[in-house]
C-alpha atoms as a PDB file:
ATOM      1  CA  UNK A   1     110.034 100.131  66.656  1.00  0.00           C
ATOM      2  CA  UNK A   2     112.857 101.378  68.537  1.00  0.00           C
ATOM      3  CA  UNK A   3     112.091  99.005  71.608  1.00  0.00           C
ATOM      4  CA  UNK A   4     112.594  96.077  69.856  1.00  0.00           C
ATOM      5  CA  UNK A   5     116.091  97.427  68.538  1.00  0.00           C
ATOM      6  CA  UNK A   6     117.227  98.075  72.030  1.00  0.00           C
ATOM      7  CA  UNK A   7     116.311  94.686  73.423  1.00  0.00           C
ATOM      8  CA  UNK A   8     118.208  93.188  70.621  1.00  0.00           C
ATOM      9  CA  UNK A   9     121.480  95.167  71.456  1.00  0.00           C
ATOM     10  CA  UNK A  10     120.982  94.466  74.898  1.00  0.00           C
ATOM     11  CA  UNK A  11     119.639  90.797  75.040  1.00  0.00           C
ATOM     12  CA  UNK A  12     123.302  89.537  75.580  1.00  0.00           C
ATOM     13  CA  UNK A  13     123.616  91.270  78.810  1.00  0.00           C
ATOM     14  CA  UNK A  14     122.798  90.748  82.194  1.00  0.00           C
ATOM     15  CA  UNK A  15     122.729  86.828  81.623  1.00  0.00           C
ATOM     16  CA  UNK A  16     119.606  87.723  79.585  1.00  0.00           C
ATOM     17  CA  UNK A  17     117.565  89.267  81.910  1.00  0.00           C
ATOM     18  CA  UNK A  18     116.610  92.492  80.304  1.00  0.00           C
ATOM     19  CA  UNK A  19     113.032  93.997  80.213  1.00  0.00           C
ATOM     20  CA  UNK A  20     110.964  96.407  78.894  1.00  0.00           C
ATOM     21  CA  UNK A  21     109.538  98.994  81.418  1.00  0.00           C
ATOM     22  CA  UNK A  22     109.593  96.885  84.575  1.00  0.00           C
ATOM     23  CA  UNK A  23     111.017  93.432  85.964  1.00  0.00           C
ATOM     24  CA  UNK A  24     108.662  90.837  86.247  1.00  0.00           C
ATOM     25  CA  UNK A  25     107.994  89.727  89.990  1.00  0.00           C
ATOM     26  CA  UNK A  26     110.464  87.892  91.499  1.00  0.00           C
ATOM     27  CA  UNK A  27     113.292  88.710  88.824  1.00  0.00           C
ATOM     28  CA  UNK A  28     116.730  87.558  89.903  1.00  0.00           C
ATOM     29  CA  UNK A  29     119.807  90.368  89.131  1.00  0.00           C
ATOM     30  CA  UNK A  30     121.809  91.121  87.427  1.00  0.00           C
ATOM     31  CA  UNK A  31     119.073  92.597  85.173  1.00  0.00           C
ATOM     32  CA  UNK A  32     118.378  95.527  82.838  1.00  0.00           C
ATOM     33  CA  UNK A  33     115.374  97.278  82.467  1.00  0.00           C
ATOM     34  CA  UNK A  34     115.103  99.932  79.485  1.00  0.00           C
ATOM     35  CA  UNK A  35     112.342 102.405  78.769  1.00  0.00           C
ATOM     36  CA  UNK A  36     111.188 105.253  76.270  1.00  0.00           C
ATOM     37  CA  UNK A  37     109.889 107.582  78.226  1.00  0.00           C
ATOM     38  CA  UNK A  38     109.481 110.795  76.063  1.00  0.00           C
ATOM     39  CA  UNK A  39     109.291 110.751  72.036  1.00  0.00           C
ATOM     40  CA  UNK A  40     109.175 114.233  70.313  1.00  0.00           C
ATOM     41  CA  UNK A  41     108.967 114.736  66.710  1.00  0.00           C
ATOM     42  CA  UNK A  42     110.071 117.652  64.664  1.00  0.00           C
ATOM     43  CA  UNK A  43     107.704 119.393  62.282  1.00  0.00           C
ATOM     44  CA  UNK A  44     108.715 120.932  59.286  1.00  0.00           C
ATOM     45  CA  UNK A  45     106.816 122.533  56.064  1.00  0.00           C
ATOM     46  CA  UNK A  46     106.124 118.822  54.438  1.00  0.00           C
ATOM     47  CA  UNK A  47     105.134 117.394  57.865  1.00  0.00           C
ATOM     48  CA  UNK A  48     107.139 115.536  60.720  1.00  0.00           C
ATOM     49  CA  UNK A  49     110.781 115.029  60.122  1.00  0.00           C
ATOM     50  CA  UNK A  50     112.927 113.092  62.565  1.00  0.00           C
ATOM     51  CA  UNK A  51     111.968 111.827  66.263  1.00  0.00           C
ATOM     52  CA  UNK A  52     113.809 112.818  69.437  1.00  0.00           C
ATOM     53  CA  UNK A  53     113.628 110.057  71.892  1.00  0.00           C
ATOM     54  CA  UNK A  54     114.743 110.012  75.593  1.00  0.00           C
ATOM     55  CA  UNK A  55     115.853 106.693  76.785  1.00  0.00           C
ATOM     56  CA  UNK A  56     116.608 105.260  80.120  1.00  0.00           C
ATOM     57  CA  UNK A  57     118.367 101.970  81.274  1.00  0.00           C
ATOM     58  CA  UNK A  58     118.378 100.829  84.412  1.00  0.00           C
ATOM     59  CA  UNK A  59     121.095  98.408  85.883  1.00  0.00           C
ATOM     60  CA  UNK A  60     120.034  96.003  89.144  1.00  0.00           C
ATOM     61  CA  UNK A  61     122.428  93.941  90.877  1.00  0.00           C
ATOM     62  CA  UNK A  62     124.138  93.250  94.415  1.00  0.00           C
ATOM     63  CA  UNK A  63     127.197  95.383  93.740  1.00  0.00           C
ATOM     64  CA  UNK A  64     127.658  99.176  92.662  1.00  0.00           C
ATOM     65  CA  UNK A  65     130.816  97.824  90.421  1.00  0.00           C
ATOM     66  CA  UNK A  66     128.666  95.319  88.704  1.00  0.00           C
ATOM     67  CA  UNK A  67     125.741  97.937  87.603  1.00  0.00           C
ATOM     68  CA  UNK A  68     128.360 100.218  86.682  1.00  0.00           C
ATOM     69  CA  UNK A  69     129.764  97.740  84.501  1.00  0.00           C
ATOM     70  CA  UNK A  70     126.662  96.675  82.995  1.00  0.00           C
ATOM     71  CA  UNK A  71     125.433 100.435  82.317  1.00  0.00           C
ATOM     72  CA  UNK A  72     128.978 100.664  80.757  1.00  0.00           C
ATOM     73  CA  UNK A  73     128.058  97.888  78.299  1.00  0.00           C
ATOM     74  CA  UNK A  74     124.692  98.669  77.540  1.00  0.00           C
ATOM     75  CA  UNK A  75     126.085 102.201  76.281  1.00  0.00           C
ATOM     76  CA  UNK A  76     128.658 100.212  74.098  1.00  0.00           C
ATOM     77  CA  UNK A  77     126.111  98.036  73.109  1.00  0.00           C
ATOM     78  CA  UNK A  78     124.065 101.096  71.777  1.00  0.00           C
ATOM     79  CA  UNK A  79     126.402 103.246  70.622  1.00  0.00           C
ATOM     80  CA  UNK A  80     125.403 102.854  67.152  1.00  0.00           C
ATOM     81  CA  UNK A  81     122.197 104.903  67.776  1.00  0.00           C
ATOM     82  CA  UNK A  82     124.982 107.786  68.513  1.00  0.00           C
ATOM     83  CA  UNK A  83     123.348 108.701  72.373  1.00  0.00           C
ATOM     84  CA  UNK A  84     123.663 112.466  73.680  1.00  0.00           C
ATOM     85  CA  UNK A  85     123.141 114.300  76.616  1.00  0.00           C
ATOM     86  CA  UNK A  86     124.405 110.919  78.693  1.00  0.00           C
ATOM     87  CA  UNK A  87     123.839 111.521  82.396  1.00  0.00           C
ATOM     88  CA  UNK A  88     124.216 108.625  84.935  1.00  0.00           C
ATOM     89  CA  UNK A  89     123.388 108.315  88.452  1.00  0.00           C
ATOM     90  CA  UNK A  90     123.579 105.497  91.201  1.00  0.00           C
ATOM     91  CA  UNK A  91     121.653 104.616  93.989  1.00  0.00           C
ATOM     92  CA  UNK A  92     120.962 101.567  96.485  1.00  0.00           C
ATOM     93  CA  UNK A  93     117.478 100.545  97.073  1.00  0.00           C
ATOM     94  CA  UNK A  94     117.164  99.454 100.581  1.00  0.00           C
ATOM     95  CA  UNK A  95     113.760  97.814  99.759  1.00  0.00           C
ATOM     96  CA  UNK A  96     115.412  95.225  97.300  1.00  0.00           C
ATOM     97  CA  UNK A  97     118.669  95.384  98.569  1.00  0.00           C
ATOM     98  CA  UNK A  98     120.068  96.385  95.251  1.00  0.00           C
ATOM     99  CA  UNK A  99     122.347  98.567  93.298  1.00  0.00           C
ATOM    100  CA  UNK A 100     120.884 100.480  90.779  1.00  0.00           C
ATOM    101  CA  UNK A 101     122.656 102.613  88.192  1.00  0.00           C
ATOM    102  CA  UNK A 102     120.674 104.565  85.390  1.00  0.00           C
ATOM    103  CA  UNK A 103     121.721 105.788  82.463  1.00  0.00           C
ATOM    104  CA  UNK A 104     119.485 108.531  80.806  1.00  0.00           C
ATOM    105  CA  UNK A 105     120.366 109.814  77.077  1.00  0.00           C
ATOM    106  CA  UNK A 106     118.542 111.289  73.977  1.00  0.00           C
ATOM    107  CA  UNK A 107     118.867 109.824  70.247  1.00  0.00           C
ATOM    108  CA  UNK A 108     117.550 111.506  66.850  1.00  0.00           C
ATOM    109  CA  UNK A 109     115.484 108.773  64.798  1.00  0.00           C
END
């Protein structure tokens, strides 16, 4: 299962605060949230072949520099998945007073 593979690769980051889909209420930064929002399977004459996955990783912390570093480290830890079409963006979430940096990419499995 790709979610477990991602967790194993990222669990040493963000002081071990790595969560699937949503952080628990009261989570203390820094933390990472990862998800696999879409999975598309390719059809071939003999059935289904590889899967195309979209993966999203969100880093949350008190500074923009920290979340940028966390995303860079997360991508480095996931490099063996051969991510493609990587896009990143940052926002400041005023409700939580945290910076967030998101990386979205695709992998073929």
